[in-house]
């Protein structure tokens, strides 16, 4: 055997010995581990002064429901006459479904959307090809709640923010805990209206 062949065999032997101490993960195994860990979480972001920054990409989050209390069914003076299109941050949703508990940093995003009024009856309903009912119209701002039991200890562990009740939504919002009273009095689980959201009502 010539010198070149012997060198090649030695290199293979050394490489084989080295490989014995290395743990390899296939692409499919890595994907499985990532799936088991759940989606990466988006946590609340604040300005230096403590205002909440409008959450990014909320429209891609997990949709949980749209309660509606229209003006026409509330003597023309509903506190929130719009559809409440509610989303939860996906990583927090994943943890909640596994544990039954909203983790620290959970963000609930409520985007407001007006009700169509053109041609409405006295009860506020309108007719569409699908039948008579209440149908969404223009977007109208947003409200956001954040779970942080230390930061919001005075209001049950949740902080509440209003990003305008009109469009465009504000880029940042100051803490406004006027909502805490209603959530304390009526929300089914941990200050969240899970009774309206089948995906969370477990």
C-alpha atoms as a PDB file:
ATOM      1  CA  UNK A   1       0.000   0.000   0.000  1.00  0.00           C
ATOM      2  CA  UNK A   2       1.473   3.347  -0.943  1.00  0.00           C
ATOM      3  CA  UNK A   3       1.996   6.342   1.324  1.00  0.00           C
ATOM      4  CA  UNK A   4      -1.030   8.261  -0.056  1.00  0.00           C
ATOM      5  CA  UNK A   5      -3.408   5.369   0.612  1.00  0.00           C
ATOM      6  CA  UNK A   6      -2.115   4.938   4.162  1.00  0.00           C
ATOM      7  CA  UNK A   7      -2.638   8.663   4.841  1.00  0.00           C
ATOM      8  CA  UNK A   8      -6.207   8.458   3.591  1.00  0.00           C
ATOM      9  CA  UNK A   9      -6.969   5.459   5.822  1.00  0.00           C
ATOM     10  CA  UNK A  10      -5.515   7.248   8.841  1.00  0.00           C
ATOM     11  CA  UNK A  11      -7.655  10.286   8.156  1.00  0.00           C
ATOM     12  CA  UNK A  12     -10.771   8.131   7.956  1.00  0.00           C
ATOM     13  CA  UNK A  13      -9.891   6.404  11.221  1.00  0.00           C
ATOM     14  CA  UNK A  14      -9.311   9.674  13.056  1.00  0.00           C
ATOM     15  CA  UNK A  15     -12.552  11.122  11.684  1.00  0.00           C
ATOM     16  CA  UNK A  16     -14.497   8.035  12.732  1.00  0.00           C
ATOM     17  CA  UNK A  17     -13.151   8.253  16.280  1.00  0.00           C
ATOM     18  CA  UNK A  18     -14.044  11.932  16.442  1.00  0.00           C
ATOM     19  CA  UNK A  19     -17.567  11.302  15.230  1.00  0.00           C
ATOM     20  CA  UNK A  20     -18.232   9.013  18.152  1.00  0.00           C
ATOM     21  CA  UNK A  21     -18.407  11.964  20.536  1.00  0.00           C
ATOM     22  CA  UNK A  22     -20.581  14.204  18.338  1.00  0.00           C
ATOM     23  CA  UNK A  23     -24.379  14.181  18.631  1.00  0.00           C
ATOM     24  CA  UNK A  24     -26.062  14.817  15.309  1.00  0.00           C
ATOM     25  CA  UNK A  25     -29.645  16.045  14.893  1.00  0.00           C
ATOM     26  CA  UNK A  26     -31.414  15.529  11.601  1.00  0.00           C
ATOM     27  CA  UNK A  27     -33.458  18.290  10.063  1.00  0.00           C
ATOM     28  CA  UNK A  28     -36.697  16.408  10.838  1.00  0.00           C
ATOM     29  CA  UNK A  29     -35.655  15.880  14.466  1.00  0.00           C
ATOM     30  CA  UNK A  30     -34.879  19.583  14.841  1.00  0.00           C
ATOM     31  CA  UNK A  31     -38.264  20.483  13.383  1.00  0.00           C
ATOM     32  CA  UNK A  32     -39.961  18.114  15.815  1.00  0.00           C
ATOM     33  CA  UNK A  33     -38.207  19.658  18.785  1.00  0.00           C
ATOM     34  CA  UNK A  34     -39.141  23.158  17.635  1.00  0.00           C
ATOM     35  CA  UNK A  35     -42.786  22.123  17.246  1.00  0.00           C
ATOM     36  CA  UNK A  36     -42.812  20.579  20.712  1.00  0.00           C
ATOM     37  CA  UNK A  37     -41.419  23.780  22.189  1.00  0.00           C
ATOM     38  CA  UNK A  38     -44.287  25.728  20.616  1.00  0.00           C
ATOM     39  CA  UNK A  39     -44.205  29.009  18.704  1.00  0.00           C
ATOM     40  CA  UNK A  40     -41.767  31.670  19.753  1.00  0.00           C
ATOM     41  CA  UNK A  41     -43.503  34.222  21.986  1.00  0.00           C
ATOM     42  CA  UNK A  42     -44.006  37.887  21.279  1.00  0.00           C
ATOM     43  CA  UNK A  43     -43.847  39.696  24.625  1.00  0.00           C
ATOM     44  CA  UNK A  44     -45.105  43.225  25.409  1.00  0.00           C
ATOM     45  CA  UNK A  45     -42.843  46.105  24.460  1.00  0.00           C
ATOM     46  CA  UNK A  46     -42.785  49.393  26.361  1.00  0.00           C
ATOM     47  CA  UNK A  47     -41.387  52.862  25.755  1.00  0.00           C
ATOM     48  CA  UNK A  48     -38.835  54.252  28.256  1.00  0.00           C
ATOM     49  CA  UNK A  49     -41.705  56.120  29.947  1.00  0.00           C
ATOM     50  CA  UNK A  50     -43.712  52.895  30.397  1.00  0.00           C
ATOM     51  CA  UNK A  51     -46.276  53.270  27.601  1.00  0.00           C
ATOM     52  CA  UNK A  52     -47.215  50.077  25.777  1.00  0.00           C
ATOM     53  CA  UNK A  53     -46.142  49.847  22.131  1.00  0.00           C
ATOM     54  CA  UNK A  54     -48.828  48.694  19.689  1.00  0.00           C
ATOM     55  CA  UNK A  55     -48.250  44.923  19.349  1.00  0.00           C
ATOM     56  CA  UNK A  56     -46.777  43.859  16.038  1.00  0.00           C
ATOM     57  CA  UNK A  57     -48.560  41.522  13.597  1.00  0.00           C
ATOM     58  CA  UNK A  58     -51.555  41.048  15.922  1.00  0.00           C
ATOM     59  CA  UNK A  59     -53.746  40.272  12.916  1.00  0.00           C
ATOM     60  CA  UNK A  60     -51.812  37.003  12.535  1.00  0.00           C
ATOM     61  CA  UNK A  61     -52.496  35.915  16.103  1.00  0.00           C
ATOM     62  CA  UNK A  62     -55.008  33.299  17.290  1.00  0.00           C
ATOM     63  CA  UNK A  63     -58.540  34.595  16.848  1.00  0.00           C
ATOM     64  CA  UNK A  64     -60.850  33.666  19.735  1.00  0.00           C
ATOM     65  CA  UNK A  65     -64.143  35.530  19.219  1.00  0.00           C
ATOM     66  CA  UNK A  66     -66.180  38.651  18.436  1.00  0.00           C
ATOM     67  CA  UNK A  67     -68.714  39.722  21.087  1.00  0.00           C
ATOM     68  CA  UNK A  68     -71.114  42.476  19.987  1.00  0.00           C
ATOM     69  CA  UNK A  69     -73.275  44.935  21.968  1.00  0.00           C
ATOM     70  CA  UNK A  70     -74.741  47.262  19.307  1.00  0.00           C
ATOM     71  CA  UNK A  71     -76.195  50.700  20.079  1.00  0.00           C
ATOM     72  CA  UNK A  72     -79.632  49.711  18.760  1.00  0.00           C
ATOM     73  CA  UNK A  73     -80.009  47.041  21.467  1.00  0.00           C
ATOM     74  CA  UNK A  74     -78.737  49.325  24.235  1.00  0.00           C
ATOM     75  CA  UNK A  75     -80.943  52.431  24.017  1.00  0.00           C
ATOM     76  CA  UNK A  76     -78.550  53.929  21.487  1.00  0.00           C
ATOM     77  CA  UNK A  77     -75.790  54.238  24.098  1.00  0.00           C
ATOM     78  CA  UNK A  78     -73.771  51.019  24.129  1.00  0.00           C
ATOM     79  CA  UNK A  79     -70.443  51.384  25.906  1.00  0.00           C
ATOM     80  CA  UNK A  80     -68.779  49.423  23.123  1.00  0.00           C
ATOM     81  CA  UNK A  81     -71.079  49.417  20.079  1.00  0.00           C
ATOM     82  CA  UNK A  82     -68.586  47.621  17.838  1.00  0.00           C
ATOM     83  CA  UNK A  83     -67.632  44.032  17.197  1.00  0.00           C
ATOM     84  CA  UNK A  84     -64.825  43.082  19.589  1.00  0.00           C
ATOM     85  CA  UNK A  85     -62.527  40.959  17.434  1.00  0.00           C
ATOM     86  CA  UNK A  86     -60.280  39.359  20.045  1.00  0.00           C
ATOM     87  CA  UNK A  87     -56.886  37.755  19.435  1.00  0.00           C
ATOM     88  CA  UNK A  88     -54.336  36.144  21.755  1.00  0.00           C
ATOM     89  CA  UNK A  89     -50.583  36.043  21.174  1.00  0.00           C
ATOM     90  CA  UNK A  90     -49.820  32.573  19.713  1.00  0.00           C
ATOM     91  CA  UNK A  91     -47.029  31.533  22.085  1.00  0.00           C
ATOM     92  CA  UNK A  92     -49.168  32.415  25.087  1.00  0.00           C
ATOM     93  CA  UNK A  93     -52.100  30.538  23.578  1.00  0.00           C
ATOM     94  CA  UNK A  94     -49.932  27.445  23.178  1.00  0.00           C
ATOM     95  CA  UNK A  95     -48.897  27.575  26.841  1.00  0.00           C
ATOM     96  CA  UNK A  96     -52.485  28.192  27.964  1.00  0.00           C
ATOM     97  CA  UNK A  97     -53.757  25.167  26.039  1.00  0.00           C
ATOM     98  CA  UNK A  98     -51.118  22.982  27.693  1.00  0.00           C
ATOM     99  CA  UNK A  99     -51.441  24.328  31.238  1.00  0.00           C
ATOM    100  CA  UNK A 100     -54.863  25.970  31.541  1.00  0.00           C
ATOM    101  CA  UNK A 101     -53.143  29.132  32.823  1.00  0.00           C
ATOM    102  CA  UNK A 102     -52.407  32.404  31.045  1.00  0.00           C
ATOM    103  CA  UNK A 103     -48.625  32.846  31.358  1.00  0.00           C
ATOM    104  CA  UNK A 104     -46.875  36.048  32.356  1.00  0.00           C
ATOM    105  CA  UNK A 105     -46.610  38.336  29.335  1.00  0.00           C
ATOM    106  CA  UNK A 106     -49.868  37.148  27.714  1.00  0.00           C
ATOM    107  CA  UNK A 107     -51.284  39.792  25.369  1.00  0.00           C
ATOM    108  CA  UNK A 108     -54.989  39.908  24.486  1.00  0.00           C
ATOM    109  CA  UNK A 109     -55.709  42.198  21.521  1.00  0.00           C
ATOM    110  CA  UNK A 110     -59.245  43.499  20.969  1.00  0.00           C
ATOM    111  CA  UNK A 111     -59.682  45.183  17.602  1.00  0.00           C
ATOM    112  CA  UNK A 112     -62.895  47.193  17.370  1.00  0.00           C
ATOM    113  CA  UNK A 113     -64.994  47.090  14.200  1.00  0.00           C
ATOM    114  CA  UNK A 114     -68.119  49.101  13.535  1.00  0.00           C
ATOM    115  CA  UNK A 115     -71.498  47.599  12.620  1.00  0.00           C
ATOM    116  CA  UNK A 116     -73.020  48.303   9.211  1.00  0.00           C
ATOM    117  CA  UNK A 117     -75.886  50.792   9.559  1.00  0.00           C
ATOM    118  CA  UNK A 118     -77.026  51.596   6.007  1.00  0.00           C
ATOM    119  CA  UNK A 119     -80.669  50.529   5.735  1.00  0.00           C
ATOM    120  CA  UNK A 120     -80.741  49.259   9.314  1.00  0.00           C
ATOM    121  CA  UNK A 121     -84.014  48.458  11.104  1.00  0.00           C
ATOM    122  CA  UNK A 122     -84.840  49.878  14.523  1.00  0.00           C
ATOM    123  CA  UNK A 123     -82.965  46.969  16.113  1.00  0.00           C
ATOM    124  CA  UNK A 124     -79.829  47.864  14.156  1.00  0.00           C
ATOM    125  CA  UNK A 125     -79.846  44.807  11.904  1.00  0.00           C
ATOM    126  CA  UNK A 126     -79.392  44.994   8.135  1.00  0.00           C
ATOM    127  CA  UNK A 127     -80.172  42.673   5.246  1.00  0.00           C
ATOM    128  CA  UNK A 128     -77.449  40.961   3.241  1.00  0.00           C
ATOM    129  CA  UNK A 129     -77.540  38.059   0.739  1.00  0.00           C
ATOM    130  CA  UNK A 130     -76.981  35.652   3.636  1.00  0.00           C
ATOM    131  CA  UNK A 131     -79.976  37.039   5.555  1.00  0.00           C
ATOM    132  CA  UNK A 132     -80.731  39.654   8.204  1.00  0.00           C
ATOM    133  CA  UNK A 133     -78.224  40.277  10.938  1.00  0.00           C
ATOM    134  CA  UNK A 134     -75.316  42.374  12.203  1.00  0.00           C
ATOM    135  CA  UNK A 135     -72.429  42.779   9.784  1.00  0.00           C
ATOM    136  CA  UNK A 136     -68.943  44.238  10.228  1.00  0.00           C
ATOM    137  CA  UNK A 137     -67.988  47.594   8.753  1.00  0.00           C
ATOM    138  CA  UNK A 138     -64.957  49.866   9.284  1.00  0.00           C
ATOM    139  CA  UNK A 139     -62.236  49.202  11.841  1.00  0.00           C
ATOM    140  CA  UNK A 140     -62.360  51.522  14.836  1.00  0.00           C
ATOM    141  CA  UNK A 141     -59.248  51.298  17.014  1.00  0.00           C
ATOM    142  CA  UNK A 142     -58.204  48.722  19.595  1.00  0.00           C
ATOM    143  CA  UNK A 143     -57.882  47.839  23.271  1.00  0.00           C
ATOM    144  CA  UNK A 144     -55.116  45.641  24.644  1.00  0.00           C
ATOM    145  CA  UNK A 145     -54.664  43.796  27.928  1.00  0.00           C
ATOM    146  CA  UNK A 146     -51.360  42.429  29.226  1.00  0.00           C
ATOM    147  CA  UNK A 147     -50.753  39.938  32.023  1.00  0.00           C
ATOM    148  CA  UNK A 148     -47.970  40.859  34.430  1.00  0.00           C
ATOM    149  CA  UNK A 149     -48.752  40.050  38.045  1.00  0.00           C
ATOM    150  CA  UNK A 150     -46.018  42.353  39.383  1.00  0.00           C
ATOM    151  CA  UNK A 151     -46.492  45.362  37.112  1.00  0.00           C
ATOM    152  CA  UNK A 152     -50.289  45.246  37.423  1.00  0.00           C
ATOM    153  CA  UNK A 153     -50.679  43.845  40.923  1.00  0.00           C
ATOM    154  CA  UNK A 154     -53.310  46.470  41.831  1.00  0.00           C
ATOM    155  CA  UNK A 155     -55.676  45.331  39.081  1.00  0.00           C
ATOM    156  CA  UNK A 156     -55.645  41.562  39.342  1.00  0.00           C
ATOM    157  CA  UNK A 157     -52.428  41.065  37.394  1.00  0.00           C
ATOM    158  CA  UNK A 158     -53.635  42.610  34.126  1.00  0.00           C
ATOM    159  CA  UNK A 159     -52.994  46.039  32.620  1.00  0.00           C
ATOM    160  CA  UNK A 160     -55.335  47.716  30.130  1.00  0.00           C
ATOM    161  CA  UNK A 161     -54.495  50.037  27.235  1.00  0.00           C
ATOM    162  CA  UNK A 162     -56.511  51.930  24.622  1.00  0.00           C
ATOM    163  CA  UNK A 163     -54.969  52.488  21.179  1.00  0.00           C
ATOM    164  CA  UNK A 164     -57.757  54.889  20.078  1.00  0.00           C
ATOM    165  CA  UNK A 165     -61.421  54.236  19.453  1.00  0.00           C
ATOM    166  CA  UNK A 166     -60.952  55.363  15.872  1.00  0.00           C
ATOM    167  CA  UNK A 167     -58.450  54.754  13.092  1.00  0.00           C
ATOM    168  CA  UNK A 168     -55.548  54.905  12.776  1.00  0.00           C
ATOM    169  CA  UNK A 169     -54.556  53.057  15.919  1.00  0.00           C
ATOM    170  CA  UNK A 170     -52.124  54.901  18.155  1.00  0.00           C
ATOM    171  CA  UNK A 171     -48.480  53.799  18.063  1.00  0.00           C
ATOM    172  CA  UNK A 172     -48.324  53.711  21.872  1.00  0.00           C
ATOM    173  CA  UNK A 173     -50.813  53.838  24.741  1.00  0.00           C
ATOM    174  CA  UNK A 174     -50.783  54.781  28.409  1.00  0.00           C
ATOM    175  CA  UNK A 175     -52.039  52.499  31.145  1.00  0.00           C
ATOM    176  CA  UNK A 176     -55.789  52.904  31.649  1.00  0.00           C
ATOM    177  CA  UNK A 177     -57.227  50.543  34.222  1.00  0.00           C
ATOM    178  CA  UNK A 178     -60.858  51.708  33.993  1.00  0.00           C
ATOM    179  CA  UNK A 179     -61.580  48.331  32.369  1.00  0.00           C
ATOM    180  CA  UNK A 180     -60.408  46.337  35.375  1.00  0.00           C
ATOM    181  CA  UNK A 181     -63.694  46.720  37.286  1.00  0.00           C
ATOM    182  CA  UNK A 182     -65.798  45.077  34.590  1.00  0.00           C
ATOM    183  CA  UNK A 183     -63.279  42.281  34.112  1.00  0.00           C
ATOM    184  CA  UNK A 184     -63.206  41.617  37.842  1.00  0.00           C
ATOM    185  CA  UNK A 185     -66.995  41.552  38.055  1.00  0.00           C
ATOM    186  CA  UNK A 186     -67.811  39.478  34.974  1.00  0.00           C
ATOM    187  CA  UNK A 187     -64.857  37.739  33.333  1.00  0.00           C
ATOM    188  CA  UNK A 188     -64.984  33.997  33.904  1.00  0.00           C
ATOM    189  CA  UNK A 189     -61.319  33.107  34.269  1.00  0.00           C
ATOM    190  CA  UNK A 190     -58.312  35.167  35.357  1.00  0.00           C
ATOM    191  CA  UNK A 191     -59.833  38.487  34.234  1.00  0.00           C
ATOM    192  CA  UNK A 192     -60.470  37.096  30.729  1.00  0.00           C
ATOM    193  CA  UNK A 193     -63.971  36.688  29.236  1.00  0.00           C
ATOM    194  CA  UNK A 194     -63.370  33.041  28.409  1.00  0.00           C
ATOM    195  CA  UNK A 195     -67.134  32.402  28.500  1.00  0.00           C
ATOM    196  CA  UNK A 196     -67.292  34.179  25.107  1.00  0.00           C
ATOM    197  CA  UNK A 197     -64.281  32.386  23.613  1.00  0.00           C
ATOM    198  CA  UNK A 198     -64.780  28.622  23.103  1.00  0.00           C
ATOM    199  CA  UNK A 199     -61.084  28.092  22.307  1.00  0.00           C
ATOM    200  CA  UNK A 200     -60.197  29.422  25.773  1.00  0.00           C
ATOM    201  CA  UNK A 201     -63.147  28.161  27.778  1.00  0.00           C
ATOM    202  CA  UNK A 202     -61.660  24.889  28.970  1.00  0.00           C
END
